[in-house]
């Protein structure tokens, strides 16, 4: 996320605002999850690659609307 912040000319506080408003989930490791990713993006099976961030992925669940949520 830091590289994207610099390329867009944003501030780190902007990420905190997105997290506060429920658009993203930020893990302590620095991994960022876009909550509506599955709703707005589709991939063909031949283009799909599983995540390398398995530890963070274990802490996520998908609700009935297809949004990622952090497990309690």
N, C-alpha and C. Protein backbone atom coordinates (compact mmCIF):
# COMPACT_ATOMS: atom_id res chain seq x y z
N UNK A 1 0.79 -1.21 0.00
CA UNK A 1 0.00 0.00 0.00
C UNK A 1 0.83 1.28 0.00
N UNK A 2 2.02 1.22 0.58
CA UNK A 2 2.83 2.45 0.65
C UNK A 2 3.27 2.91 -0.73
N UNK A 3 3.59 1.97 -1.60
CA UNK A 3 4.00 2.34 -2.96
C UNK A 3 2.85 3.00 -3.72
N UNK A 4 1.66 2.48 -3.52
CA UNK A 4 0.48 3.05 -4.19
C UNK A 4 0.19 4.44 -3.63
N UNK A 5 0.35 4.62 -2.32
CA UNK A 5 0.14 5.93 -1.71
C UNK A 5 1.05 6.96 -2.35
N UNK A 6 2.32 6.61 -2.51
CA UNK A 6 3.27 7.55 -3.10
C UNK A 6 2.94 7.85 -4.55
N UNK A 7 2.56 6.82 -5.32
CA UNK A 7 2.29 7.04 -6.74
C UNK A 7 1.02 7.86 -6.96
N UNK A 8 0.07 7.79 -6.03
CA UNK A 8 -1.18 8.55 -6.14
C UNK A 8 -1.08 9.93 -5.51
N UNK A 9 -0.04 10.16 -4.73
CA UNK A 9 0.08 11.45 -4.05
C UNK A 9 -0.82 11.54 -2.83
N UNK A 10 -1.17 10.41 -2.25
CA UNK A 10 -2.03 10.38 -1.07
C UNK A 10 -1.20 10.41 0.21
N UNK A 11 -1.88 10.39 1.32
CA UNK A 11 -1.23 10.35 2.63
C UNK A 11 -1.62 9.06 3.34
N UNK A 12 -0.83 8.65 4.31
CA UNK A 12 -1.12 7.45 5.09
C UNK A 12 -2.46 7.59 5.81
N UNK A 13 -2.82 8.80 6.20
CA UNK A 13 -4.09 9.03 6.88
C UNK A 13 -5.27 8.67 5.99
N UNK A 14 -5.09 8.76 4.68
CA UNK A 14 -6.17 8.41 3.76
C UNK A 14 -6.53 6.93 3.87
N UNK A 15 -5.53 6.08 4.11
CA UNK A 15 -5.80 4.66 4.32
C UNK A 15 -6.60 4.44 5.59
N UNK A 16 -6.26 5.19 6.62
CA UNK A 16 -6.98 5.07 7.89
C UNK A 16 -8.45 5.48 7.72
N UNK A 17 -8.70 6.48 6.90
CA UNK A 17 -10.08 6.91 6.63
C UNK A 17 -10.84 5.80 5.89
N UNK A 18 -10.20 5.17 4.90
CA UNK A 18 -10.84 4.07 4.18
C UNK A 18 -11.14 2.90 5.11
N UNK A 19 -10.21 2.62 6.03
CA UNK A 19 -10.43 1.54 6.99
C UNK A 19 -11.57 1.88 7.95
N UNK A 20 -11.59 3.10 8.43
CA UNK A 20 -12.63 3.54 9.36
C UNK A 20 -14.01 3.46 8.72
N UNK A 21 -14.10 3.78 7.44
CA UNK A 21 -15.38 3.75 6.73
C UNK A 21 -15.74 2.36 6.19
N UNK A 22 -14.89 1.36 6.44
CA UNK A 22 -15.23 -0.01 6.10
C UNK A 22 -14.95 -0.43 4.68
N UNK A 23 -14.10 0.29 3.96
CA UNK A 23 -13.79 -0.08 2.58
C UNK A 23 -12.63 -1.06 2.48
N UNK A 24 -11.72 -1.02 3.46
CA UNK A 24 -10.55 -1.89 3.44
C UNK A 24 -10.32 -2.48 4.83
N UNK A 25 -9.53 -3.55 4.86
CA UNK A 25 -9.07 -4.15 6.12
C UNK A 25 -7.56 -4.13 6.08
N UNK A 26 -6.93 -3.57 7.11
CA UNK A 26 -5.47 -3.51 7.18
C UNK A 26 -5.00 -4.44 8.29
N UNK A 27 -4.08 -5.35 7.95
CA UNK A 27 -3.50 -6.25 8.93
C UNK A 27 -2.22 -5.65 9.49
N UNK A 28 -1.80 -6.10 10.66
CA UNK A 28 -0.57 -5.61 11.29
C UNK A 28 0.66 -5.88 10.44
N UNK A 29 0.60 -6.92 9.62
CA UNK A 29 1.73 -7.28 8.75
C UNK A 29 1.89 -6.31 7.58
N UNK A 30 0.90 -5.43 7.37
CA UNK A 30 0.96 -4.49 6.26
C UNK A 30 0.10 -4.89 5.08
N UNK A 31 -0.47 -6.09 5.13
CA UNK A 31 -1.35 -6.55 4.05
C UNK A 31 -2.66 -5.80 4.12
N UNK A 32 -3.16 -5.39 2.96
CA UNK A 32 -4.39 -4.63 2.86
C UNK A 32 -5.38 -5.43 2.03
N UNK A 33 -6.62 -5.51 2.49
CA UNK A 33 -7.68 -6.25 1.80
C UNK A 33 -8.77 -5.27 1.40
N UNK A 34 -9.13 -5.29 0.13
CA UNK A 34 -10.26 -4.49 -0.35
C UNK A 34 -11.52 -5.33 -0.11
N UNK A 35 -12.40 -4.85 0.73
CA UNK A 35 -13.54 -5.65 1.19
C UNK A 35 -14.48 -6.05 0.06
N UNK A 36 -14.69 -5.22 -0.94
CA UNK A 36 -15.63 -5.51 -2.02
C UNK A 36 -14.97 -6.11 -3.25
N UNK A 37 -13.76 -6.65 -3.11
CA UNK A 37 -13.02 -7.16 -4.27
C UNK A 37 -13.82 -8.19 -5.05
N UNK A 38 -14.42 -9.15 -4.38
CA UNK A 38 -15.17 -10.20 -5.06
C UNK A 38 -16.43 -9.68 -5.73
N UNK A 39 -17.00 -8.62 -5.22
CA UNK A 39 -18.21 -8.05 -5.81
C UNK A 39 -17.92 -7.34 -7.13
N UNK A 40 -16.76 -6.72 -7.22
CA UNK A 40 -16.47 -5.86 -8.36
C UNK A 40 -15.48 -6.45 -9.36
N UNK A 41 -14.90 -7.60 -9.08
CA UNK A 41 -13.90 -8.18 -9.96
C UNK A 41 -14.14 -9.68 -10.14
N UNK A 42 -13.93 -10.13 -11.36
CA UNK A 42 -14.01 -11.56 -11.64
C UNK A 42 -12.78 -11.96 -12.43
N UNK A 43 -12.35 -13.18 -12.23
CA UNK A 43 -11.21 -13.72 -12.95
C UNK A 43 -11.60 -15.05 -13.57
N UNK A 44 -11.08 -15.30 -14.75
CA UNK A 44 -11.26 -16.62 -15.35
C UNK A 44 -10.40 -17.61 -14.57
N UNK A 45 -10.81 -18.85 -14.57
CA UNK A 45 -10.09 -19.87 -13.80
C UNK A 45 -8.64 -20.00 -14.22
N UNK A 46 -8.32 -19.79 -15.49
CA UNK A 46 -6.94 -19.94 -15.94
C UNK A 46 -6.06 -18.76 -15.50
N UNK A 47 -6.65 -17.68 -15.03
CA UNK A 47 -5.90 -16.52 -14.58
C UNK A 47 -5.80 -16.42 -13.06
N UNK A 48 -6.52 -17.24 -12.35
CA UNK A 48 -6.56 -17.20 -10.88
C UNK A 48 -5.28 -17.80 -10.30
N UNK A 49 -4.70 -17.10 -9.33
CA UNK A 49 -3.56 -17.61 -8.56
C UNK A 49 -3.90 -17.44 -7.08
N UNK A 50 -3.75 -18.49 -6.29
CA UNK A 50 -4.04 -18.36 -4.86
C UNK A 50 -3.10 -17.35 -4.19
N UNK A 51 -3.55 -16.77 -3.12
CA UNK A 51 -2.77 -15.77 -2.42
C UNK A 51 -1.53 -16.37 -1.77
N UNK A 52 -0.50 -15.56 -1.64
CA UNK A 52 0.70 -15.98 -0.91
C UNK A 52 0.60 -15.53 0.56
N UNK A 53 -0.43 -14.78 0.89
CA UNK A 53 -0.64 -14.27 2.24
C UNK A 53 -1.64 -15.17 2.98
N UNK A 54 -1.29 -16.43 3.14
CA UNK A 54 -2.19 -17.42 3.73
C UNK A 54 -2.54 -17.13 5.18
N UNK A 55 -1.59 -16.61 5.94
CA UNK A 55 -1.86 -16.34 7.36
C UNK A 55 -2.96 -15.28 7.51
N UNK A 56 -2.91 -14.24 6.71
CA UNK A 56 -3.94 -13.19 6.76
C UNK A 56 -5.26 -13.72 6.20
N UNK A 57 -5.17 -14.53 5.15
CA UNK A 57 -6.38 -15.07 4.52
C UNK A 57 -7.17 -15.95 5.48
N UNK A 58 -6.48 -16.62 6.39
CA UNK A 58 -7.15 -17.46 7.39
C UNK A 58 -8.06 -16.64 8.30
N UNK A 59 -7.78 -15.37 8.45
CA UNK A 59 -8.54 -14.50 9.35
C UNK A 59 -9.69 -13.79 8.65
N UNK A 60 -9.95 -14.16 7.39
CA UNK A 60 -11.03 -13.53 6.63
C UNK A 60 -12.16 -14.52 6.40
N UNK A 61 -13.35 -13.97 6.28
CA UNK A 61 -14.51 -14.75 5.88
C UNK A 61 -15.31 -13.91 4.88
N UNK A 62 -16.14 -14.58 4.11
CA UNK A 62 -16.96 -13.88 3.13
C UNK A 62 -18.40 -13.92 3.60
N UNK A 63 -19.07 -12.77 3.61
CA UNK A 63 -20.47 -12.75 4.04
C UNK A 63 -21.38 -13.11 2.87
N UNK A 64 -22.68 -13.07 3.09
CA UNK A 64 -23.65 -13.48 2.07
C UNK A 64 -23.65 -12.55 0.86
N UNK A 65 -23.14 -11.33 1.02
CA UNK A 65 -23.07 -10.40 -0.10
C UNK A 65 -21.76 -10.51 -0.87
N UNK A 66 -20.84 -11.33 -0.40
CA UNK A 66 -19.56 -11.51 -1.08
C UNK A 66 -18.48 -10.57 -0.60
N UNK A 67 -18.71 -9.87 0.50
CA UNK A 67 -17.70 -8.95 1.06
C UNK A 67 -16.82 -9.69 2.05
N UNK A 68 -15.55 -9.33 2.05
CA UNK A 68 -14.63 -9.87 3.04
C UNK A 68 -14.86 -9.20 4.39
N UNK A 69 -14.81 -10.00 5.44
CA UNK A 69 -14.89 -9.51 6.82
C UNK A 69 -13.80 -10.20 7.62
N UNK A 70 -13.29 -9.52 8.62
CA UNK A 70 -12.31 -10.12 9.51
C UNK A 70 -13.05 -10.99 10.53
N UNK A 71 -12.59 -12.23 10.70
CA UNK A 71 -13.22 -13.13 11.66
C UNK A 71 -13.07 -12.59 13.07
N UNK A 72 -14.08 -12.83 13.88
CA UNK A 72 -14.06 -12.35 15.27
C UNK A 72 -13.17 -13.17 16.14
